[in-house]
Amino acid sequence: MSLAFVAPSVAQLEVRDRGHRVEGGATTKATFVGGYEGDQSVNHALTSMAAMFVVAGGVRWRERRQQVTLRRAGGGPSTAVVGSPQETYQELVDKSEYLRDQHWTKTFHASFMGGAYVGMAGLLSLVIGGNMASQFITQKAVFAALFPINLLLVLTTGGQLFTGNSATMAIGIYEKKCTTKDLLRNWSIAYIGNIFGCLLIDAVATYTGMFTGGAQEMAVHTVMKKCSATFGQTVVKGIMCNWLVCMAVWLCTMAKDMTGKMVGVWFPISMFIAIGFEHSVANMFILPAGIFSGAPLSWGDILVKNLIPVTIGNAIAGAFVVGAGMSFMFGKLGKKEDE
């Protein structure tokens, strides 16, 4: 399954390495945006991703075999690799209490790091996807394949994103573990921390000259497209996006091993990118990247036309679609008054 996920991109690159691409039965010269042609680094990057999934699968298979052997012998740990939905929900309830009591400096630091991880994954996607091919669908596929790295880094290092916390803190309110004041405090600090983390990566990329060639063109094109929809359309895209992002957090929380966490994160995040939904923290990196790359937009434009409506949509999805929905299924919202 993992190999199938990246194999098409690798196959396309192998054809490009020979200098040609077949389209509708005709052979045409492969051209990379910004003058890159036959770039081996792209091939190596995606081949490494395929190898990573193969190795991770092999390690997991070996661990499972060892656990089965121990269990047959009457000992050893449980072979369960995922928690139940009820266990997963309780973990998020506990996390909301932890976030409620966390000192603001730690929340800011975790959010700053989370924003930096999002920025780094976005930069990686721009540099590789932007220089891969002139076809937008190919660039989008590469972006979808690479960008999920950010959430894996966030969730495995204790980082925080406003988008994930929008559901976690809402769950804390529904379970009467947190107050509205706790929620607003956490959301505010996380949001500001995410902005600073993303802007740091934007500044690094600008200073080191990485917004050039295909990456520059892709950044400008992406930002112009993101700011072209109506306010209502962008809110709905934000709702749909964070619904998937929070489900990625849910699946990652369910998984008990690294392989499971990788799979749980990768596919929902790739899905929202491929469809074209809107993620506020990702846009904290992408929107400034577009301006620094020369997009004819002002800071006011990107706030009003994208970031504000996306943030509203993300908050609605986290607090109500996922937070309230999970509480209704597994928590107090679904219990009768007399119970």
Protein backbone atom coordinates (compact mmCIF):
# COMPACT_ATOMS: atom_id res chain seq x y z
CA MET A 1 0.00 0.00 0.00
CA SER A 2 2.80 2.42 0.85
CA LEU A 3 4.68 1.68 -2.32
CA ALA A 4 1.57 2.28 -4.41
CA PHE A 5 1.21 5.65 -2.79
CA VAL A 6 4.52 6.98 -4.16
CA ALA A 7 5.28 4.66 -7.06
CA PRO A 8 3.50 6.72 -9.78
CA SER A 9 5.60 9.79 -8.99
CA VAL A 10 8.81 7.75 -9.03
CA ALA A 11 7.83 6.16 -12.34
CA GLN A 12 7.16 9.57 -13.86
CA LEU A 13 10.53 10.81 -12.71
CA GLU A 14 12.30 7.80 -14.18
CA VAL A 15 10.78 8.65 -17.55
CA ARG A 16 11.87 12.28 -17.13
CA ASP A 17 15.41 11.17 -16.33
CA ARG A 18 15.58 9.77 -19.84
CA GLY A 19 14.56 13.24 -21.07
CA HIS A 20 11.12 12.36 -22.41
CA ARG A 21 7.53 12.02 -21.22
CA VAL A 22 4.72 10.14 -22.97
CA GLU A 23 1.41 11.99 -23.21
CA GLY A 24 -1.52 10.58 -25.24
CA GLY A 25 0.82 8.36 -27.23
CA ALA A 26 3.21 11.17 -28.16
CA THR A 27 6.70 11.65 -26.80
CA THR A 28 7.54 15.17 -25.62
CA LYS A 29 10.52 16.79 -23.98
CA ALA A 30 10.20 16.97 -20.16
CA THR A 31 10.59 20.50 -18.81
CA PHE A 32 11.00 21.60 -15.21
CA VAL A 33 9.71 24.96 -14.06
CA GLY A 34 12.49 27.47 -13.59
CA GLY A 35 14.87 25.70 -15.97
CA TYR A 36 15.35 22.45 -14.04
CA GLU A 37 15.50 19.38 -16.24
CA GLY A 38 16.17 15.78 -15.22
CA ASP A 39 16.78 16.83 -11.62
CA GLN A 40 18.03 13.69 -9.87
CA SER A 41 17.36 15.16 -6.41
CA VAL A 42 13.60 14.87 -6.94
CA ASN A 43 13.93 11.24 -8.01
CA HIS A 44 16.13 10.50 -5.01
CA ALA A 45 13.74 12.23 -2.61
CA LEU A 46 10.69 10.23 -3.66
CA THR A 47 12.67 7.00 -3.94
CA SER A 48 13.82 7.57 -0.36
CA MET A 49 10.20 8.01 0.72
CA ALA A 50 9.29 4.68 -0.88
CA ALA A 51 12.23 3.00 0.84
CA MET A 52 11.19 4.52 4.17
CA PHE A 53 7.73 2.99 3.93
CA VAL A 54 9.18 -0.41 2.96
CA VAL A 55 11.61 -0.39 5.90
CA ALA A 56 8.93 0.78 8.33
CA GLY A 57 6.61 -1.99 7.13
CA GLY A 58 9.35 -4.58 7.51
CA VAL A 59 10.20 -3.46 11.03
CA ARG A 60 6.53 -3.54 12.00
CA TRP A 61 6.12 -7.05 10.53
CA ARG A 62 9.08 -8.28 12.56
CA GLU A 63 7.71 -6.72 15.75
CA ARG A 64 4.35 -8.36 15.17
CA ARG A 65 5.98 -11.75 14.67
CA GLN A 66 7.90 -11.38 17.93
CA GLN A 67 4.76 -10.34 19.82
CA VAL A 68 2.78 -13.28 18.44
CA THR A 69 5.57 -15.65 19.48
CA LEU A 70 5.61 -14.22 23.01
CA ARG A 71 1.85 -14.36 23.29
CA ARG A 72 1.76 -18.01 22.23
CA ALA A 73 4.31 -18.69 24.94
CA GLY A 74 1.96 -17.21 27.53
CA GLY A 75 3.58 -13.82 28.02
CA GLY A 76 4.60 -10.56 26.41
CA PRO A 77 2.74 -7.36 25.70
CA SER A 78 -0.60 -7.02 23.93
CA THR A 79 -0.43 -7.17 20.14
CA ALA A 80 -2.98 -4.37 19.75
CA VAL A 81 -1.61 -1.65 17.49
CA VAL A 82 -4.52 0.78 17.84
CA GLY A 83 -6.64 1.92 20.75
CA SER A 84 -10.42 1.76 20.76
CA PRO A 85 -12.45 4.88 19.89
CA GLN A 86 -13.40 5.26 23.56
CA GLU A 87 -9.75 5.03 24.68
CA THR A 88 -8.75 7.54 22.03
CA TYR A 89 -11.42 9.98 23.13
CA GLN A 90 -10.28 9.69 26.76
CA GLU A 91 -6.72 10.44 25.72
CA LEU A 92 -7.91 13.67 24.12
CA VAL A 93 -9.90 14.55 27.26
CA ASP A 94 -6.74 14.06 29.32
CA LYS A 95 -4.76 16.12 26.83
CA SER A 96 -7.23 19.00 27.17
CA GLU A 97 -6.57 19.04 30.94
CA TYR A 98 -2.84 19.02 30.31
CA LEU A 99 -3.11 21.94 27.90
CA ARG A 100 -5.37 23.80 30.32
CA ASP A 101 -2.74 23.66 33.08
CA GLN A 102 0.30 24.25 30.89
CA HIS A 103 2.22 27.49 31.46
CA TRP A 104 1.74 29.96 28.63
CA THR A 105 5.44 29.99 27.79
CA LYS A 106 5.40 26.24 27.13
CA THR A 107 2.24 26.55 25.04
CA PHE A 108 3.86 29.34 23.02
CA HIS A 109 7.08 27.35 22.54
CA ALA A 110 5.20 24.22 21.44
CA SER A 111 3.09 26.30 19.04
CA PHE A 112 6.14 28.14 17.69
CA MET A 113 7.79 24.80 16.94
CA GLY A 114 4.56 23.53 15.39
CA GLY A 115 4.44 26.52 13.07
CA ALA A 116 8.09 26.00 12.15
CA TYR A 117 7.43 22.35 11.26
CA VAL A 118 4.50 23.39 9.06
CA GLY A 119 6.73 25.99 7.38
CA MET A 120 9.52 23.50 6.75
CA ALA A 121 7.14 20.97 5.21
CA GLY A 122 5.58 23.72 3.09
CA LEU A 123 9.00 24.87 1.91
CA LEU A 124 9.98 21.29 1.04
CA SER A 125 6.78 20.89 -0.96
CA LEU A 126 7.30 24.18 -2.82
CA VAL A 127 10.93 23.48 -3.70
CA ILE A 128 10.34 19.92 -4.96
CA GLY A 129 6.81 20.30 -6.32
CA GLY A 130 7.48 23.68 -7.94
CA ASN A 131 10.53 22.41 -9.80
CA MET A 132 9.09 19.07 -10.78
CA ALA A 133 6.89 19.83 -13.77
CA SER A 134 4.78 22.55 -15.31
CA GLN A 135 1.56 20.54 -14.91
CA PHE A 136 -0.32 21.85 -11.87
CA ILE A 137 -1.81 18.44 -11.05
CA THR A 138 1.69 16.96 -10.76
CA GLN A 139 2.81 19.77 -8.45
CA LYS A 140 -0.27 19.30 -6.30
CA ALA A 141 0.31 15.54 -6.05
CA VAL A 142 3.88 16.09 -4.86
CA PHE A 143 2.74 18.74 -2.37
CA ALA A 144 0.13 16.30 -1.02
CA ALA A 145 2.74 13.56 -0.70
CA LEU A 146 5.32 15.67 1.13
CA PHE A 147 3.36 18.14 3.28
CA PRO A 148 2.01 15.60 5.85
CA ILE A 149 5.54 15.39 7.29
CA ASN A 150 4.68 18.49 9.32
CA LEU A 151 1.87 16.95 11.36
CA LEU A 152 3.92 13.84 12.07
CA LEU A 153 6.69 16.05 13.47
CA VAL A 154 4.20 18.10 15.50
CA LEU A 155 2.39 15.15 17.05
CA THR A 156 5.51 13.15 17.89
CA THR A 157 7.48 16.02 19.46
CA GLY A 158 4.82 17.71 21.59
CA GLY A 159 4.29 20.59 19.18
CA GLN A 160 0.92 22.30 18.99
CA LEU A 161 -1.21 23.67 16.17
CA PHE A 162 -4.24 25.89 16.54
CA THR A 163 -6.16 23.55 14.23
CA GLY A 164 -5.68 20.45 16.37
CA ASN A 165 -6.16 22.34 19.64
CA SER A 166 -9.49 23.67 18.34
CA ALA A 167 -10.93 20.18 18.79
CA THR A 168 -8.95 19.12 21.87
CA MET A 169 -9.84 22.16 23.98
CA ALA A 170 -13.49 22.02 22.86
CA ILE A 171 -13.62 18.41 24.02
CA GLY A 172 -12.30 19.58 27.39
CA ILE A 173 -15.24 21.99 27.65
CA TYR A 174 -17.81 19.36 26.71
CA GLU A 175 -16.39 17.03 29.36
CA LYS A 176 -16.31 19.89 31.91
CA LYS A 177 -12.52 19.69 32.25
CA CYS A 178 -11.89 23.18 30.84
CA THR A 179 -13.62 26.55 30.74
CA THR A 180 -14.23 28.87 27.83
CA LYS A 181 -11.50 31.08 29.22
CA ASP A 182 -9.06 28.14 29.11
CA LEU A 183 -10.03 27.47 25.49
CA LEU A 184 -9.60 31.07 24.35
CA ARG A 185 -6.27 31.36 26.17
CA ASN A 186 -4.88 28.23 24.53
CA TRP A 187 -6.23 29.06 21.08
CA SER A 188 -4.78 32.58 21.20
CA ILE A 189 -1.31 31.52 22.33
CA ALA A 190 -1.20 28.61 19.87
CA TYR A 191 -2.31 30.82 16.99
CA ILE A 192 0.30 33.50 17.70
CA GLY A 193 3.01 30.89 18.21
CA ASN A 194 2.13 29.21 14.92
CA ILE A 195 2.36 32.56 13.09
CA PHE A 196 5.83 33.28 14.46
CA GLY A 197 7.05 29.76 13.67
CA CYS A 198 5.82 29.95 10.07
CA LEU A 199 7.23 33.45 9.57
CA LEU A 200 10.62 32.22 10.79
CA ILE A 201 10.76 29.66 7.97
CA ASP A 202 9.55 32.28 5.48
CA ALA A 203 12.36 34.58 6.62
CA VAL A 204 14.97 31.81 6.35
CA ALA A 205 13.78 30.83 2.87
CA THR A 206 13.78 34.46 1.69
CA TYR A 207 17.22 35.22 3.14
CA THR A 208 18.79 32.09 1.64
CA GLY A 209 17.23 32.69 -1.80
CA MET A 210 15.01 29.60 -1.86
CA PHE A 211 11.95 31.39 -3.27
CA THR A 212 13.29 31.24 -6.82
CA GLY A 213 12.57 29.30 -10.00
CA GLY A 214 9.72 26.83 -9.76
CA ALA A 215 9.26 27.33 -6.02
CA GLN A 216 8.65 31.05 -6.59
CA GLU A 217 6.20 30.43 -9.41
CA MET A 218 4.29 27.80 -7.44
CA ALA A 219 4.10 30.06 -4.36
CA VAL A 220 2.66 32.96 -6.39
CA HIS A 221 0.20 30.73 -8.24
CA THR A 222 -0.97 29.06 -5.03
CA VAL A 223 -1.51 32.30 -3.12
CA MET A 224 -3.41 33.95 -5.99
CA LYS A 225 -5.71 30.93 -6.17
CA LYS A 226 -6.23 30.88 -2.40
CA CYS A 227 -7.31 34.52 -2.40
CA SER A 228 -9.69 34.21 -5.36
CA ALA A 229 -12.68 32.54 -3.66
CA THR A 230 -15.53 34.28 -1.83
CA PHE A 231 -15.56 34.66 1.96
CA GLY A 232 -18.24 31.98 2.36
CA GLN A 233 -16.51 29.51 0.07
CA THR A 234 -13.27 29.93 1.98
CA VAL A 235 -15.01 29.38 5.33
CA VAL A 236 -16.49 26.10 4.04
CA LYS A 237 -13.08 25.02 2.71
CA GLY A 238 -11.68 25.73 6.18
CA ILE A 239 -14.37 23.60 7.81
CA MET A 240 -13.74 20.66 5.50
CA CYS A 241 -9.98 20.95 5.92
CA ASN A 242 -9.88 20.90 9.69
CA TRP A 243 -12.40 18.08 9.78
CA LEU A 244 -9.77 15.97 7.99
CA VAL A 245 -6.87 17.39 10.01
CA CYS A 246 -8.60 16.57 13.31
CA MET A 247 -9.29 13.07 12.04
CA ALA A 248 -5.58 12.74 11.30
CA VAL A 249 -4.89 13.74 14.92
CA TRP A 250 -7.52 11.22 16.04
CA LEU A 251 -5.98 8.38 14.00
CA CYS A 252 -2.47 9.28 15.18
CA THR A 253 -3.69 9.20 18.77
CA MET A 254 -5.30 5.80 18.20
CA ALA A 255 -2.11 4.29 16.79
CA LYS A 256 0.32 2.80 19.29
CA ASP A 257 3.38 2.51 17.04
CA MET A 258 5.24 4.84 14.68
CA THR A 259 4.13 3.04 11.51
CA GLY A 260 0.49 3.41 12.46
CA LYS A 261 0.96 7.08 13.31
CA MET A 262 2.60 7.71 9.93
CA VAL A 263 -0.26 6.08 8.04
CA GLY A 264 -2.89 7.78 10.20
CA VAL A 265 -1.42 11.22 9.49
CA TRP A 266 -0.39 10.86 5.87
CA PHE A 267 -3.63 10.07 4.11
CA PRO A 268 -6.09 12.58 5.67
CA ILE A 269 -3.55 15.40 5.21
CA SER A 270 -2.77 14.40 1.63
CA MET A 271 -6.52 14.23 1.01
CA PHE A 272 -7.26 17.81 2.09
CA ILE A 273 -4.36 19.16 0.04
CA ALA A 274 -5.27 17.21 -3.09
CA ILE A 275 -8.90 18.36 -2.86
CA GLY A 276 -7.93 21.98 -2.24
CA PHE A 277 -9.28 22.69 1.25
CA GLU A 278 -7.80 25.46 3.43
CA HIS A 279 -5.62 25.10 6.55
CA SER A 280 -4.98 28.27 8.55
CA VAL A 281 -1.55 27.29 9.90
CA ALA A 282 -0.32 26.06 6.51
CA ASN A 283 -1.50 29.37 5.06
CA MET A 284 0.50 31.26 7.69
CA PHE A 285 3.50 30.00 5.73
CA ILE A 286 2.14 29.87 2.18
CA LEU A 287 0.55 33.33 2.08
CA PRO A 288 3.68 35.26 3.17
CA ALA A 289 5.73 33.02 0.87
CA GLY A 290 3.60 34.18 -2.03
CA ILE A 291 4.02 37.85 -1.10
CA PHE A 292 7.79 37.45 -0.70
CA SER A 293 7.83 35.73 -4.10
CA GLY A 294 6.16 38.67 -5.80
CA ALA A 295 2.41 37.98 -5.69
CA PRO A 296 0.47 41.23 -6.41
CA LEU A 297 -1.38 41.16 -3.07
CA SER A 298 -1.17 43.19 0.13
CA TRP A 299 -1.06 41.88 3.68
CA GLY A 300 -4.63 43.10 4.08
CA ASP A 301 -5.68 41.07 1.05
CA ILE A 302 -4.36 37.79 2.41
CA LEU A 303 -5.94 38.43 5.81
CA VAL A 304 -9.41 39.35 4.58
CA LYS A 305 -9.57 37.08 1.54
CA ASN A 306 -8.07 33.99 3.15
CA LEU A 307 -6.65 33.80 6.65
CA ILE A 308 -9.64 35.21 8.56
CA PRO A 309 -12.33 33.08 6.86
CA VAL A 310 -10.10 30.00 6.96
CA THR A 311 -9.50 30.46 10.70
CA ILE A 312 -13.25 30.73 11.29
CA GLY A 313 -13.88 27.56 9.30
CA ASN A 314 -11.08 25.66 11.06
CA ALA A 315 -12.46 26.66 14.48
CA ILE A 316 -15.99 25.57 13.54
CA ALA A 317 -14.77 22.17 12.38
CA GLY A 318 -12.61 21.58 15.44
CA ALA A 319 -15.07 22.77 18.07
CA PHE A 320 -18.33 21.49 16.61
CA VAL A 321 -17.90 18.98 13.79
CA VAL A 322 -15.17 16.93 15.48
CA GLY A 323 -15.16 18.07 19.12
CA ALA A 324 -18.92 18.01 19.69
CA GLY A 325 -19.35 15.02 17.39
CA MET A 326 -16.87 12.89 19.33
CA SER A 327 -18.31 14.01 22.65
CA PHE A 328 -21.77 12.98 21.45
CA MET A 329 -20.45 9.56 20.41
CA PHE A 330 -18.13 8.82 23.32
CA GLY A 331 -18.56 11.53 25.98
CA LYS A 332 -21.02 13.52 28.03
CA LEU A 333 -22.92 15.13 25.16
CA GLY A 334 -24.25 11.70 24.22
CA LYS A 335 -25.32 10.74 27.75
CA LYS A 336 -28.84 11.19 29.09
CA GLU A 337 -29.45 13.82 31.73
CA ASP A 338 -30.36 11.23 34.36
CA GLU A 339 -27.28 9.08 33.86
